[in-house]
Protein backbone atom coordinates (compact mmCIF):
# COMPACT_ATOMS: atom_id res chain seq x y z
CA MET A 1 -0.14 -0.03 0.19
CA LYS A 2 2.99 2.20 0.62
CA ASN A 3 4.39 1.81 -2.88
CA LYS A 4 0.77 3.05 -4.34
CA ALA A 5 0.82 6.03 -2.20
CA LEU A 6 4.07 6.98 -3.32
CA GLU A 7 3.18 6.42 -6.89
CA LEU A 8 0.09 8.73 -6.53
CA ASP A 9 2.32 11.33 -5.05
CA LEU A 10 4.93 11.12 -7.87
CA ARG A 11 2.24 11.34 -10.34
CA GLN A 12 0.60 14.31 -8.80
CA ILE A 13 4.18 16.18 -8.51
CA ARG A 14 4.70 15.15 -12.24
CA GLN A 15 1.18 16.81 -13.12
CA GLY A 16 2.18 20.11 -11.02
CA LEU A 17 5.44 20.36 -12.74
CA GLU A 18 3.76 20.11 -16.12
CA GLU A 19 1.35 22.87 -15.00
CA PHE A 20 3.98 25.06 -13.79
CA ALA A 21 6.34 24.54 -16.97
CA THR A 22 3.15 25.41 -19.28
CA PHE A 23 2.10 28.29 -17.02
CA MET A 24 6.02 29.68 -17.49
CA SER A 25 6.23 28.97 -20.93
CA TYR A 26 3.48 31.40 -21.36
CA GLN A 27 5.15 34.18 -18.84
CA SER A 28 8.80 33.98 -20.53
CA ASN A 29 10.19 36.78 -22.33
CA TYR A 30 11.06 34.26 -25.27
CA GLU A 31 8.83 35.05 -28.19
CA GLY A 32 7.60 32.20 -30.24
CA LEU A 33 9.06 29.87 -27.46
CA ARG A 34 6.77 27.26 -25.69
CA ILE A 35 7.24 24.13 -23.70
CA LEU A 36 5.47 21.44 -25.60
CA LYS A 37 6.15 18.37 -23.29
CA VAL A 38 7.72 17.47 -20.07
CA GLU A 39 9.12 14.09 -20.03
CA THR A 40 11.07 11.96 -17.35
CA GLN A 41 14.37 10.95 -18.80
CA HIS A 42 16.05 7.99 -17.62
CA ASN A 43 19.99 7.65 -17.68
CA GLU A 44 19.82 5.00 -20.34
CA GLU A 45 18.15 6.92 -22.85
CA HIS A 46 19.32 9.83 -23.88
CA PRO A 47 18.37 10.41 -27.79
CA VAL A 48 18.36 14.13 -28.90
CA SER A 49 15.90 15.16 -31.19
CA ASP A 50 16.81 17.29 -34.10
CA ASN A 51 14.30 20.10 -33.46
CA VAL A 52 15.44 20.51 -29.90
CA VAL A 53 17.12 23.99 -29.14
CA SER A 54 19.23 24.16 -25.90
CA ILE A 55 18.29 27.22 -23.52
CA GLU A 56 21.71 28.54 -24.01
CA ASN A 57 21.49 28.44 -27.85
CA ALA A 58 18.13 30.21 -27.42
CA ARG A 59 19.55 32.88 -25.24
CA SER A 60 22.47 33.78 -27.50
CA GLN A 61 20.02 33.81 -30.68
CA ARG A 62 17.40 36.12 -29.05
CA ASP A 63 20.44 38.23 -28.00
CA ASP A 64 21.89 38.51 -31.34
CA TYR A 65 18.26 39.37 -32.96
CA ILE A 66 17.62 41.87 -30.09
CA GLN A 67 21.08 43.96 -30.99
CA SER A 68 20.42 43.70 -34.55
CA ILE A 69 17.30 45.53 -34.28
CA PRO A 70 17.63 49.41 -34.93
CA ALA A 71 16.73 51.74 -32.08
CA LYS A 72 14.27 54.37 -33.24
CA ASN A 73 15.01 57.94 -31.81
CA TYR A 74 12.08 59.43 -30.46
CA ARG A 75 12.28 63.20 -30.82
């Protein structure tokens, strides 16, 4: 019975993390980037999909994009 309770707690924690990740993705400053899925990864499996962008790459691309936009002078 104790294992069932732990399994239920773990399931509730996962659901809470998924809801939090979804909420934070809509509150982020990264336009166009959204968290689509939250998965549990085990050490045995680490396949990296081609369409996954690391947060470091997303930050550097965003900074480069922002610096390339000319500033408008308001007078």
